[in-house]
C-alpha cells in the first residue's frame, strides 16, 4: 500500500508540474504576442510619421504650403525649427512654382520670430525664381506679422487681424497681497539684480528702466525689420508701430498687406499651380512619445529632489 501511495503522489506531483508549466508557457505566449503586436503598432506609427514628414513631393507644378499656426515658441508646433524645415523642404522640390506661408498666430518669442524672418529672407535670395507669399488666416499679430513681413507679398482677409507691432513683458506683483497675508519674502542672491523683476519683491525703479530699455531695443529691431521688408509700400502713420492691430482691409490701405487672398486664390491666380502640397512639419508619434517619457522622468526626478531634507542652491 505504501508503494502504491507513493506512485499516486508522484503522478499527482507530475500532473501539477505539467499544469504549472502549461500555465507558464501560456503566459509567455501571451506576453510575446502582445509584445509583437506592440512592435507592429509602433512600427506602423513610425512609418506613418516618416511618410507624413518625408513622403510629400512636388514633382510637377504645385503650390507648396507651410503653416505657422499658434504661438511662436521653441517647444511648440510653430517653432523656428519646424517652420524653417518646412520652407526648406518646399523650396527644394523641383515642381514648386511658389510657396505660401499660411499664418494664424498672435505672436510669441521675438527670437523665434526673428530666426524665421531671417531665414525667409535668406531663402528668397537663394531661390529668387520661387516667390514666397504670406497668407494671413485669422491673425498675424506681433511676432506673426514679423514673420509675414519677410515674404514677397502679404495676402489677408478683410477681417483678418494684422499688426500689433510692439513688444511686451507682463506679469504680476504680489507684494501687497503678501503683506495682507503676513507672508515674508526670503530671497538670498549674489548680484544686485539677480532678483530682477521678482513678482514677490517691490519693483525697483532702476530695474523698471532697464527692462524698458530692453523692450525699446527689441521694438526698434522689429520696426526696422518691417520697414526694410515692406519698403515704399508702407504708408506710415504716427500709430503704425504703437502696438495697435488693424483689420485686413485697413492693413491693405496702410501698406502692411498687399491684397486680399486665400491659399487657393494665390495658388490659382498668382502661381498658376492649383495643386497644393502641404510641407508643414508636424510632430510625429515617436517624438510625442519621447517628449512625454522625458517629461515623466523629469517629474519623478523633481519629486525625488523635493523629498530631500533641504533644497540645493541653483542658478536661474
C-alpha atoms as a PDB file:
ATOM      1  CA  UNK A   1       0.000   0.000   0.000  1.00  0.00           C
ATOM      2  CA  UNK A   2       2.855   2.352   0.808  1.00  0.00           C
ATOM      3  CA  UNK A   3       4.393   1.840  -2.606  1.00  0.00           C
ATOM      4  CA  UNK A   4       1.011   2.403  -4.294  1.00  0.00           C
ATOM      5  CA  UNK A   5       0.542   5.643  -2.372  1.00  0.00           C
ATOM      6  CA  UNK A   6       3.982   6.818  -3.439  1.00  0.00           C
ATOM      7  CA  UNK A   7       3.161   6.276  -7.117  1.00  0.00           C
ATOM      8  CA  UNK A   8      -0.076   8.189  -6.766  1.00  0.00           C
ATOM      9  CA  UNK A   9       1.660  11.122  -5.120  1.00  0.00           C
ATOM     10  CA  UNK A  10       4.342  11.082  -7.800  1.00  0.00           C
ATOM     11  CA  UNK A  11       1.693  11.132 -10.527  1.00  0.00           C
ATOM     12  CA  UNK A  12      -0.141  13.977  -8.815  1.00  0.00           C
ATOM     13  CA  UNK A  13       3.087  15.982  -8.478  1.00  0.00           C
ATOM     14  CA  UNK A  14       3.914  15.326 -12.137  1.00  0.00           C
ATOM     15  CA  UNK A  15       0.434  16.398 -13.188  1.00  0.00           C
ATOM     16  CA  UNK A  16       0.737  19.577 -11.108  1.00  0.00           C
ATOM     17  CA  UNK A  17       4.131  20.327 -12.665  1.00  0.00           C
ATOM     18  CA  UNK A  18       2.676  19.845 -16.125  1.00  0.00           C
ATOM     19  CA  UNK A  19      -0.222  22.213 -15.344  1.00  0.00           C
ATOM     20  CA  UNK A  20       2.134  24.834 -13.908  1.00  0.00           C
ATOM     21  CA  UNK A  21       4.422  24.542 -16.930  1.00  0.00           C
ATOM     22  CA  UNK A  22       1.490  24.860 -19.302  1.00  0.00           C
ATOM     23  CA  UNK A  23       0.286  27.961 -17.498  1.00  0.00           C
ATOM     24  CA  UNK A  24       3.787  29.439 -17.584  1.00  0.00           C
ATOM     25  CA  UNK A  25       4.094  28.668 -21.299  1.00  0.00           C
ATOM     26  CA  UNK A  26       0.680  30.202 -21.938  1.00  0.00           C
ATOM     27  CA  UNK A  27       1.664  33.385 -20.079  1.00  0.00           C
ATOM     28  CA  UNK A  28       4.895  33.712 -22.066  1.00  0.00           C
ATOM     29  CA  UNK A  29       2.973  33.040 -25.266  1.00  0.00           C
ATOM     30  CA  UNK A  30       0.521  35.830 -24.446  1.00  0.00           C
ATOM     31  CA  UNK A  31       3.389  38.124 -23.463  1.00  0.00           C
ATOM     32  CA  UNK A  32       5.269  37.589 -26.736  1.00  0.00           C
ATOM     33  CA  UNK A  33       2.088  38.011 -28.755  1.00  0.00           C
ATOM     34  CA  UNK A  34       1.377  41.325 -27.041  1.00  0.00           C
ATOM     35  CA  UNK A  35       4.999  42.379 -27.492  1.00  0.00           C
ATOM     36  CA  UNK A  36       4.843  41.525 -31.191  1.00  0.00           C
ATOM     37  CA  UNK A  37       1.582  43.457 -31.541  1.00  0.00           C
ATOM     38  CA  UNK A  38       3.098  46.475 -29.765  1.00  0.00           C
ATOM     39  CA  UNK A  39       6.145  46.401 -32.056  1.00  0.00           C
ATOM     40  CA  UNK A  40       3.927  46.183 -35.134  1.00  0.00           C
ATOM     41  CA  UNK A  41       1.723  49.056 -33.960  1.00  0.00           C
ATOM     42  CA  UNK A  42       4.728  51.197 -33.021  1.00  0.00           C
ATOM     43  CA  UNK A  43       6.352  50.419 -36.356  1.00  0.00           C
ATOM     44  CA  UNK A  44       3.161  51.481 -38.094  1.00  0.00           C
ATOM     45  CA  UNK A  45       3.154  54.802 -36.254  1.00  0.00           C
ATOM     46  CA  UNK A  46       6.812  55.325 -37.109  1.00  0.00           C
ATOM     47  CA  UNK A  47       6.123  54.557 -40.760  1.00  0.00           C
ATOM     48  CA  UNK A  48       3.165  56.934 -40.790  1.00  0.00           C
ATOM     49  CA  UNK A  49       5.329  59.580 -39.152  1.00  0.00           C
ATOM     50  CA  UNK A  50       8.034  59.153 -41.759  1.00  0.00           C
ATOM     51  CA  UNK A  51       5.537  59.267 -44.588  1.00  0.00           C
ATOM     52  CA  UNK A  52       3.880  62.306 -43.036  1.00  0.00           C
ATOM     53  CA  UNK A  53       7.120  64.296 -42.832  1.00  0.00           C
ATOM     54  CA  UNK A  54       9.228  62.989 -45.692  1.00  0.00           C
ATOM     55  CA  UNK A  55       6.830  61.472 -48.233  1.00  0.00           C
ATOM     56  CA  UNK A  56       5.499  64.718 -49.707  1.00  0.00           C
ATOM     57  CA  UNK A  57       6.728  65.576 -53.164  1.00  0.00           C
ATOM     58  CA  UNK A  58       6.091  68.277 -55.698  1.00  0.00           C
ATOM     59  CA  UNK A  59       7.427  66.998 -58.992  1.00  0.00           C
ATOM     60  CA  UNK A  60       5.306  68.876 -61.490  1.00  0.00           C
ATOM     61  CA  UNK A  61       3.824  72.335 -60.943  1.00  0.00           C
ATOM     62  CA  UNK A  62       2.407  72.716 -57.468  1.00  0.00           C
ATOM     63  CA  UNK A  63       1.953  75.331 -54.775  1.00  0.00           C
ATOM     64  CA  UNK A  64       3.849  74.420 -51.610  1.00  0.00           C
ATOM     65  CA  UNK A  65       2.141  75.206 -48.314  1.00  0.00           C
ATOM     66  CA  UNK A  66       3.762  75.711 -44.909  1.00  0.00           C
ATOM     67  CA  UNK A  67       1.632  76.537 -41.877  1.00  0.00           C
ATOM     68  CA  UNK A  68       2.661  78.760 -38.989  1.00  0.00           C
ATOM     69  CA  UNK A  69      -0.188  78.104 -36.583  1.00  0.00           C
ATOM     70  CA  UNK A  70      -0.367  79.181 -32.955  1.00  0.00           C
ATOM     71  CA  UNK A  71       2.067  80.839 -30.603  1.00  0.00           C
ATOM     72  CA  UNK A  72       5.613  81.121 -31.909  1.00  0.00           C
ATOM     73  CA  UNK A  73       7.580  79.160 -29.350  1.00  0.00           C
ATOM     74  CA  UNK A  74      10.698  76.990 -29.390  1.00  0.00           C
ATOM     75  CA  UNK A  75       8.859  73.995 -27.927  1.00  0.00           C
ATOM     76  CA  UNK A  76       5.649  74.429 -29.919  1.00  0.00           C
ATOM     77  CA  UNK A  77       4.466  73.441 -33.370  1.00  0.00           C
ATOM     78  CA  UNK A  78       5.177  76.984 -34.603  1.00  0.00           C
ATOM     79  CA  UNK A  79       8.847  76.834 -33.636  1.00  0.00           C
ATOM     80  CA  UNK A  80      11.536  78.239 -35.892  1.00  0.00           C
ATOM     81  CA  UNK A  81      12.913  74.718 -36.424  1.00  0.00           C
ATOM     82  CA  UNK A  82       9.579  73.386 -37.691  1.00  0.00           C
ATOM     83  CA  UNK A  83       8.701  76.350 -39.904  1.00  0.00           C
ATOM     84  CA  UNK A  84      12.179  76.659 -41.410  1.00  0.00           C
ATOM     85  CA  UNK A  85      12.399  72.913 -42.091  1.00  0.00           C
ATOM     86  CA  UNK A  86       9.063  73.053 -43.903  1.00  0.00           C
ATOM     87  CA  UNK A  87      10.140  76.022 -46.010  1.00  0.00           C
ATOM     88  CA  UNK A  88      13.402  74.347 -46.989  1.00  0.00           C
ATOM     89  CA  UNK A  89      11.578  71.153 -47.985  1.00  0.00           C
ATOM     90  CA  UNK A  90       9.115  73.165 -50.060  1.00  0.00           C
ATOM     91  CA  UNK A  91      11.739  75.190 -51.904  1.00  0.00           C
ATOM     92  CA  UNK A  92      13.862  72.153 -52.743  1.00  0.00           C
ATOM     93  CA  UNK A  93      11.062  70.470 -54.708  1.00  0.00           C
ATOM     94  CA  UNK A  94      11.568  70.545 -58.498  1.00  0.00           C
ATOM     95  CA  UNK A  95       7.921  71.362 -59.235  1.00  0.00           C
ATOM     96  CA  UNK A  96       7.356  74.163 -56.741  1.00  0.00           C
ATOM     97  CA  UNK A  97       6.037  77.252 -58.503  1.00  0.00           C
ATOM     98  CA  UNK A  98       5.520  79.235 -55.329  1.00  0.00           C
ATOM     99  CA  UNK A  99       5.377  78.869 -51.555  1.00  0.00           C
ATOM    100  CA  UNK A 100       2.515  80.009 -49.344  1.00  0.00           C
ATOM    101  CA  UNK A 101       3.366  80.618 -45.697  1.00  0.00           C
ATOM    102  CA  UNK A 102      -0.083  80.500 -44.085  1.00  0.00           C
ATOM    103  CA  UNK A 103      -0.033  82.380 -40.780  1.00  0.00           C
ATOM    104  CA  UNK A 104      -2.502  82.234 -37.925  1.00  0.00           C
ATOM    105  CA  UNK A 105      -0.561  83.466 -34.902  1.00  0.00           C
ATOM    106  CA  UNK A 106      -0.896  86.020 -32.104  1.00  0.00           C
ATOM    107  CA  UNK A 107       2.898  86.236 -31.882  1.00  0.00           C
ATOM    108  CA  UNK A 108       5.288  84.809 -29.341  1.00  0.00           C
ATOM    109  CA  UNK A 109       9.041  84.663 -28.944  1.00  0.00           C
ATOM    110  CA  UNK A 110      10.837  87.548 -30.683  1.00  0.00           C
ATOM    111  CA  UNK A 111      13.899  85.314 -31.009  1.00  0.00           C
ATOM    112  CA  UNK A 112      11.985  82.541 -32.797  1.00  0.00           C
ATOM    113  CA  UNK A 113      10.128  85.046 -34.986  1.00  0.00           C
ATOM    114  CA  UNK A 114      13.406  86.777 -35.840  1.00  0.00           C
ATOM    115  CA  UNK A 115      15.015  83.485 -36.836  1.00  0.00           C
ATOM    116  CA  UNK A 116      12.126  82.647 -39.170  1.00  0.00           C
ATOM    117  CA  UNK A 117      12.182  86.185 -40.632  1.00  0.00           C
ATOM    118  CA  UNK A 118      15.916  85.985 -41.363  1.00  0.00           C
ATOM    119  CA  UNK A 119      15.652  82.518 -42.901  1.00  0.00           C
ATOM    120  CA  UNK A 120      12.745  83.519 -45.147  1.00  0.00           C
ATOM    121  CA  UNK A 121      14.801  86.444 -46.445  1.00  0.00           C
ATOM    122  CA  UNK A 122      17.803  84.165 -46.990  1.00  0.00           C
ATOM    123  CA  UNK A 123      15.767  81.513 -48.790  1.00  0.00           C
ATOM    124  CA  UNK A 124      14.158  84.123 -51.018  1.00  0.00           C
ATOM    125  CA  UNK A 125      17.615  85.303 -52.072  1.00  0.00           C
ATOM    126  CA  UNK A 126      18.779  81.714 -52.618  1.00  0.00           C
ATOM    127  CA  UNK A 127      15.709  80.805 -54.710  1.00  0.00           C
ATOM    128  CA  UNK A 128      14.796  84.084 -56.442  1.00  0.00           C
ATOM    129  CA  UNK A 129      12.778  82.223 -59.076  1.00  0.00           C
ATOM    130  CA  UNK A 130      10.302  80.887 -56.475  1.00  0.00           C
ATOM    131  CA  UNK A 131       8.116  83.516 -54.776  1.00  0.00           C
ATOM    132  CA  UNK A 132       7.259  83.153 -51.091  1.00  0.00           C
ATOM    133  CA  UNK A 133       3.941  84.770 -50.172  1.00  0.00           C
ATOM    134  CA  UNK A 134       2.296  85.027 -46.767  1.00  0.00           C
ATOM    135  CA  UNK A 135      -1.430  84.391 -46.418  1.00  0.00           C
ATOM    136  CA  UNK A 136      -2.944  85.568 -43.149  1.00  0.00           C
ATOM    137  CA  UNK A 137      -5.779  83.468 -41.785  1.00  0.00           C
ATOM    138  CA  UNK A 138      -7.376  84.778 -38.578  1.00  0.00           C
ATOM    139  CA  UNK A 139      -4.422  86.887 -37.485  1.00  0.00           C
ATOM    140  CA  UNK A 140      -0.792  87.777 -37.956  1.00  0.00           C
ATOM    141  CA  UNK A 141      -0.097  89.853 -34.886  1.00  0.00           C
ATOM    142  CA  UNK A 142       3.169  90.875 -33.264  1.00  0.00           C
ATOM    143  CA  UNK A 143       5.663  88.076 -33.995  1.00  0.00           C
ATOM    144  CA  UNK A 144       3.220  86.621 -36.501  1.00  0.00           C
ATOM    145  CA  UNK A 145       3.389  89.831 -38.513  1.00  0.00           C
ATOM    146  CA  UNK A 146       7.164  89.971 -38.009  1.00  0.00           C
ATOM    147  CA  UNK A 147       7.379  86.690 -39.950  1.00  0.00           C
ATOM    148  CA  UNK A 148       4.803  87.757 -42.556  1.00  0.00           C
ATOM    149  CA  UNK A 149       6.790  90.884 -43.364  1.00  0.00           C
ATOM    150  CA  UNK A 150       9.647  88.734 -44.669  1.00  0.00           C
ATOM    151  CA  UNK A 151       7.521  87.367 -47.523  1.00  0.00           C
ATOM    152  CA  UNK A 152       7.403  88.818 -51.038  1.00  0.00           C
ATOM    153  CA  UNK A 153       3.738  89.708 -50.633  1.00  0.00           C
ATOM    154  CA  UNK A 154       1.152  89.505 -47.854  1.00  0.00           C
ATOM    155  CA  UNK A 155      -2.449  88.464 -48.545  1.00  0.00           C
ATOM    156  CA  UNK A 156      -5.215  88.878 -45.975  1.00  0.00           C
ATOM    157  CA  UNK A 157      -8.933  88.509 -45.481  1.00  0.00           C
ATOM    158  CA  UNK A 158     -10.726  91.830 -44.952  1.00  0.00           C
ATOM    159  CA  UNK A 159     -11.485  90.699 -41.391  1.00  0.00           C
ATOM    160  CA  UNK A 160      -8.019  89.320 -40.549  1.00  0.00           C
ATOM    161  CA  UNK A 161      -6.222  90.957 -37.621  1.00  0.00           C
ATOM    162  CA  UNK A 162      -2.862  92.386 -38.636  1.00  0.00           C
ATOM    163  CA  UNK A 163      -0.142  94.388 -36.910  1.00  0.00           C
ATOM    164  CA  UNK A 164       0.407  94.747 -33.168  1.00  0.00           C
ATOM    165  CA  UNK A 165       3.970  95.885 -33.867  1.00  0.00           C
ATOM    166  CA  UNK A 166       5.174  96.112 -30.297  1.00  0.00           C
ATOM    167  CA  UNK A 167       6.925  94.215 -27.514  1.00  0.00           C
ATOM    168  CA  UNK A 168       5.717  93.349 -24.025  1.00  0.00           C
ATOM    169  CA  UNK A 169       6.884  91.880 -20.739  1.00  0.00           C
ATOM    170  CA  UNK A 170       3.951  91.153 -18.459  1.00  0.00           C
ATOM    171  CA  UNK A 171       3.487  89.686 -15.036  1.00  0.00           C
ATOM    172  CA  UNK A 172       2.000  90.311 -11.608  1.00  0.00           C
ATOM    173  CA  UNK A 173       3.150  91.860  -8.361  1.00  0.00           C
ATOM    174  CA  UNK A 174       2.158  90.132  -5.132  1.00  0.00           C
ATOM    175  CA  UNK A 175       3.824  92.392  -2.576  1.00  0.00           C
ATOM    176  CA  UNK A 176       0.567  93.897  -1.243  1.00  0.00           C
ATOM    177  CA  UNK A 177      -1.124  90.509  -1.064  1.00  0.00           C
ATOM    178  CA  UNK A 178       1.804  89.042   0.859  1.00  0.00           C
ATOM    179  CA  UNK A 179       1.684  91.910   3.365  1.00  0.00           C
ATOM    180  CA  UNK A 180      -2.015  91.309   3.975  1.00  0.00           C
ATOM    181  CA  UNK A 181      -1.412  87.601   4.484  1.00  0.00           C
ATOM    182  CA  UNK A 182       1.587  88.179   6.712  1.00  0.00           C
ATOM    183  CA  UNK A 183       3.946  86.360   4.351  1.00  0.00           C
ATOM    184  CA  UNK A 184       7.599  87.383   4.319  1.00  0.00           C
ATOM    185  CA  UNK A 185       9.673  87.049   1.146  1.00  0.00           C
ATOM    186  CA  UNK A 186      13.116  85.499   1.681  1.00  0.00           C
ATOM    187  CA  UNK A 187      15.390  85.521  -1.354  1.00  0.00           C
ATOM    188  CA  UNK A 188      19.144  85.246  -0.993  1.00  0.00           C
ATOM    189  CA  UNK A 189      21.056  86.261  -4.108  1.00  0.00           C
ATOM    190  CA  UNK A 190      24.598  87.124  -5.158  1.00  0.00           C
ATOM    191  CA  UNK A 191      24.318  90.073  -7.540  1.00  0.00           C
ATOM    192  CA  UNK A 192      22.278  93.240  -7.093  1.00  0.00           C
ATOM    193  CA  UNK A 193      19.918  92.371  -9.952  1.00  0.00           C
ATOM    194  CA  UNK A 194      19.616  88.613  -9.535  1.00  0.00           C
ATOM    195  CA  UNK A 195      16.013  89.115  -8.351  1.00  0.00           C
ATOM    196  CA  UNK A 196      15.290  91.146 -11.486  1.00  0.00           C
ATOM    197  CA  UNK A 197      11.518  91.754 -11.811  1.00  0.00           C
ATOM    198  CA  UNK A 198      10.788  89.323  -8.973  1.00  0.00           C
ATOM    199  CA  UNK A 199       6.967  89.412  -8.533  1.00  0.00           C
ATOM    200  CA  UNK A 200       7.291  88.919  -4.762  1.00  0.00           C
ATOM    201  CA  UNK A 201       9.556  91.921  -4.203  1.00  0.00           C
ATOM    202  CA  UNK A 202       8.902  95.646  -4.703  1.00  0.00           C
ATOM    203  CA  UNK A 203       9.667  96.788  -8.245  1.00  0.00           C
ATOM    204  CA  UNK A 204      12.856  98.837  -8.236  1.00  0.00           C
ATOM    205  CA  UNK A 205      12.900 101.921 -10.453  1.00  0.00           C
ATOM    206  CA  UNK A 206      16.318 101.069 -11.878  1.00  0.00           C
ATOM    207  CA  UNK A 207      15.134  97.589 -12.874  1.00  0.00           C
ATOM    208  CA  UNK A 208      11.993  99.017 -14.432  1.00  0.00           C
ATOM    209  CA  UNK A 209      14.075 101.430 -16.510  1.00  0.00           C
ATOM    210  CA  UNK A 210      16.448  98.667 -17.596  1.00  0.00           C
ATOM    211  CA  UNK A 211      13.563  96.407 -18.654  1.00  0.00           C
ATOM    212  CA  UNK A 212      12.014  99.268 -20.601  1.00  0.00           C
ATOM    213  CA  UNK A 213      15.313  99.925 -22.392  1.00  0.00           C
ATOM    214  CA  UNK A 214      15.467  96.263 -23.457  1.00  0.00           C
ATOM    215  CA  UNK A 215      11.911  96.412 -24.762  1.00  0.00           C
ATOM    216  CA  UNK A 216      12.699  99.619 -26.661  1.00  0.00           C
ATOM    217  CA  UNK A 217      15.728  97.971 -28.287  1.00  0.00           C
ATOM    218  CA  UNK A 218      13.713  94.939 -29.402  1.00  0.00           C
ATOM    219  CA  UNK A 219      10.925  97.214 -30.633  1.00  0.00           C
ATOM    220  CA  UNK A 220      13.393  99.179 -32.746  1.00  0.00           C
ATOM    221  CA  UNK A 221      14.643  95.919 -34.252  1.00  0.00           C
ATOM    222  CA  UNK A 222      11.057  94.926 -35.049  1.00  0.00           C
ATOM    223  CA  UNK A 223      10.264  98.286 -36.664  1.00  0.00           C
ATOM    224  CA  UNK A 224      13.491  98.238 -38.680  1.00  0.00           C
ATOM    225  CA  UNK A 225      12.710  94.746 -39.977  1.00  0.00           C
ATOM    226  CA  UNK A 226       9.208  95.789 -41.095  1.00  0.00           C
ATOM    227  CA  UNK A 227      10.465  98.961 -42.772  1.00  0.00           C
ATOM    228  CA  UNK A 228      13.243  97.087 -44.520  1.00  0.00           C
ATOM    229  CA  UNK A 229      10.920  94.356 -45.789  1.00  0.00           C
ATOM    230  CA  UNK A 230       7.913  96.462 -46.750  1.00  0.00           C
ATOM    231  CA  UNK A 231       9.852  99.470 -48.047  1.00  0.00           C
ATOM    232  CA  UNK A 232       7.907 102.089 -50.008  1.00  0.00           C
ATOM    233  CA  UNK A 233       4.683 100.086 -49.700  1.00  0.00           C
ATOM    234  CA  UNK A 234       4.257 101.340 -46.123  1.00  0.00           C
ATOM    235  CA  UNK A 235       2.134 104.433 -45.631  1.00  0.00           C
ATOM    236  CA  UNK A 236       3.295 105.193 -42.136  1.00  0.00           C
ATOM    237  CA  UNK A 237       1.064 106.844 -39.571  1.00  0.00           C
ATOM    238  CA  UNK A 238       2.030 108.013 -36.068  1.00  0.00           C
ATOM    239  CA  UNK A 239       0.428 104.937 -34.516  1.00  0.00           C
ATOM    240  CA  UNK A 240       1.605 102.315 -37.017  1.00  0.00           C
ATOM    241  CA  UNK A 241       4.285 100.974 -34.680  1.00  0.00           C
ATOM    242  CA  UNK A 242       2.434 101.648 -31.428  1.00  0.00           C
ATOM    243  CA  UNK A 243       1.165  98.104 -30.914  1.00  0.00           C
ATOM    244  CA  UNK A 244      -2.271  98.696 -32.461  1.00  0.00           C
ATOM    245  CA  UNK A 245      -3.869  95.973 -34.551  1.00  0.00           C
ATOM    246  CA  UNK A 246      -5.873  96.564 -37.740  1.00  0.00           C
ATOM    247  CA  UNK A 247      -8.324  94.547 -39.772  1.00  0.00           C
ATOM    248  CA  UNK A 248      -7.213  93.239 -43.148  1.00  0.00           C
ATOM    249  CA  UNK A 249      -8.914  95.989 -45.133  1.00  0.00           C
ATOM    250  CA  UNK A 250      -7.177  98.729 -43.178  1.00  0.00           C
ATOM    251  CA  UNK A 251      -3.883  96.800 -43.311  1.00  0.00           C
ATOM    252  CA  UNK A 252      -4.016  96.872 -47.124  1.00  0.00           C
ATOM    253  CA  UNK A 253      -4.722 100.617 -47.069  1.00  0.00           C
ATOM    254  CA  UNK A 254      -1.710 101.184 -44.793  1.00  0.00           C
ATOM    255  CA  UNK A 255       0.606  99.008 -46.855  1.00  0.00           C
ATOM    256  CA  UNK A 256       1.016  96.465 -44.070  1.00  0.00           C
ATOM    257  CA  UNK A 257      -0.517  93.950 -46.501  1.00  0.00           C
ATOM    258  CA  UNK A 258      -0.716  93.858 -50.284  1.00  0.00           C
ATOM    259  CA  UNK A 259      -4.075  92.410 -51.253  1.00  0.00           C
ATOM    260  CA  UNK A 260      -6.945  90.128 -50.311  1.00  0.00           C
ATOM    261  CA  UNK A 261      -6.451  86.443 -50.911  1.00  0.00           C
ATOM    262  CA  UNK A 262      -6.512  82.869 -49.654  1.00  0.00           C
ATOM    263  CA  UNK A 263      -4.244  79.882 -50.159  1.00  0.00           C
ATOM    264  CA  UNK A 264      -6.394  78.655 -53.030  1.00  0.00           C
ATOM    265  CA  UNK A 265      -6.704  82.031 -54.737  1.00  0.00           C
ATOM    266  CA  UNK A 266      -2.958  82.666 -54.538  1.00  0.00           C
ATOM    267  CA  UNK A 267      -2.226  79.162 -55.844  1.00  0.00           C
ATOM    268  CA  UNK A 268      -4.691  79.578 -58.702  1.00  0.00           C
ATOM    269  CA  UNK A 269      -4.352  83.238 -59.686  1.00  0.00           C
ATOM    270  CA  UNK A 270      -0.812  84.170 -58.653  1.00  0.00           C
ATOM    271  CA  UNK A 271       1.238  80.988 -59.036  1.00  0.00           C
ATOM    272  CA  UNK A 272      -0.929  79.272 -61.644  1.00  0.00           C
ATOM    273  CA  UNK A 273      -0.494  75.974 -59.783  1.00  0.00           C
ATOM    274  CA  UNK A 274      -3.776  74.770 -58.316  1.00  0.00           C
ATOM    275  CA  UNK A 275      -2.365  71.635 -56.691  1.00  0.00           C
ATOM    276  CA  UNK A 276      -1.438  72.498 -53.101  1.00  0.00           C
ATOM    277  CA  UNK A 277       1.048  70.234 -51.322  1.00  0.00           C
ATOM    278  CA  UNK A 278       1.455  70.681 -47.568  1.00  0.00           C
ATOM    279  CA  UNK A 279       5.076  70.672 -46.350  1.00  0.00           C
ATOM    280  CA  UNK A 280       4.288  71.703 -42.771  1.00  0.00           C
ATOM    281  CA  UNK A 281       6.465  69.859 -40.272  1.00  0.00           C
ATOM    282  CA  UNK A 282       4.348  68.249 -37.580  1.00  0.00           C
ATOM    283  CA  UNK A 283       5.480  66.310 -34.545  1.00  0.00           C
ATOM    284  CA  UNK A 284       5.120  62.584 -35.153  1.00  0.00           C
ATOM    285  CA  UNK A 285       4.107  59.847 -32.740  1.00  0.00           C
ATOM    286  CA  UNK A 286       7.656  58.898 -31.757  1.00  0.00           C
ATOM    287  CA  UNK A 287       8.598  62.477 -30.862  1.00  0.00           C
ATOM    288  CA  UNK A 288       5.405  62.955 -28.875  1.00  0.00           C
ATOM    289  CA  UNK A 289       6.068  59.709 -27.021  1.00  0.00           C
ATOM    290  CA  UNK A 290       9.671  60.710 -26.315  1.00  0.00           C
ATOM    291  CA  UNK A 291       8.533  64.110 -25.055  1.00  0.00           C
ATOM    292  CA  UNK A 292       6.023  62.509 -22.694  1.00  0.00           C
ATOM    293  CA  UNK A 293       8.552  59.989 -21.408  1.00  0.00           C
ATOM    294  CA  UNK A 294      11.099  62.763 -20.877  1.00  0.00           C
ATOM    295  CA  UNK A 295       8.554  64.875 -19.042  1.00  0.00           C
ATOM    296  CA  UNK A 296       7.631  61.958 -16.788  1.00  0.00           C
ATOM    297  CA  UNK A 297      11.288  61.224 -15.993  1.00  0.00           C
ATOM    298  CA  UNK A 298      11.811  64.886 -15.172  1.00  0.00           C
ATOM    299  CA  UNK A 299       8.745  64.917 -12.934  1.00  0.00           C
ATOM    300  CA  UNK A 300       9.981  61.892 -10.999  1.00  0.00           C
ATOM    301  CA  UNK A 301      13.432  63.455 -10.592  1.00  0.00           C
ATOM    302  CA  UNK A 302      11.996  66.736  -9.341  1.00  0.00           C
ATOM    303  CA  UNK A 303       9.739  64.888  -6.901  1.00  0.00           C
ATOM    304  CA  UNK A 304      12.735  62.959  -5.589  1.00  0.00           C
ATOM    305  CA  UNK A 305      14.750  66.163  -5.084  1.00  0.00           C
ATOM    306  CA  UNK A 306      11.861  67.885  -3.317  1.00  0.00           C
ATOM    307  CA  UNK A 307      11.606  64.992  -0.875  1.00  0.00           C
ATOM    308  CA  UNK A 308      15.155  65.606   0.412  1.00  0.00           C
ATOM    309  CA  UNK A 309      15.728  67.382   3.731  1.00  0.00           C
ATOM    310  CA  UNK A 310      16.825  70.697   2.170  1.00  0.00           C
ATOM    311  CA  UNK A 311      16.937  72.261  -1.279  1.00  0.00           C
ATOM    312  CA  UNK A 312      20.036  72.722  -3.369  1.00  0.00           C
ATOM    313  CA  UNK A 313      21.293  76.171  -4.405  1.00  0.00           C
ATOM    314  CA  UNK A 314      20.540  76.928  -8.052  1.00  0.00           C
ATOM    315  CA  UNK A 315      21.068  79.368 -10.853  1.00  0.00           C
ATOM    316  CA  UNK A 316      18.069  80.723 -12.744  1.00  0.00           C
END
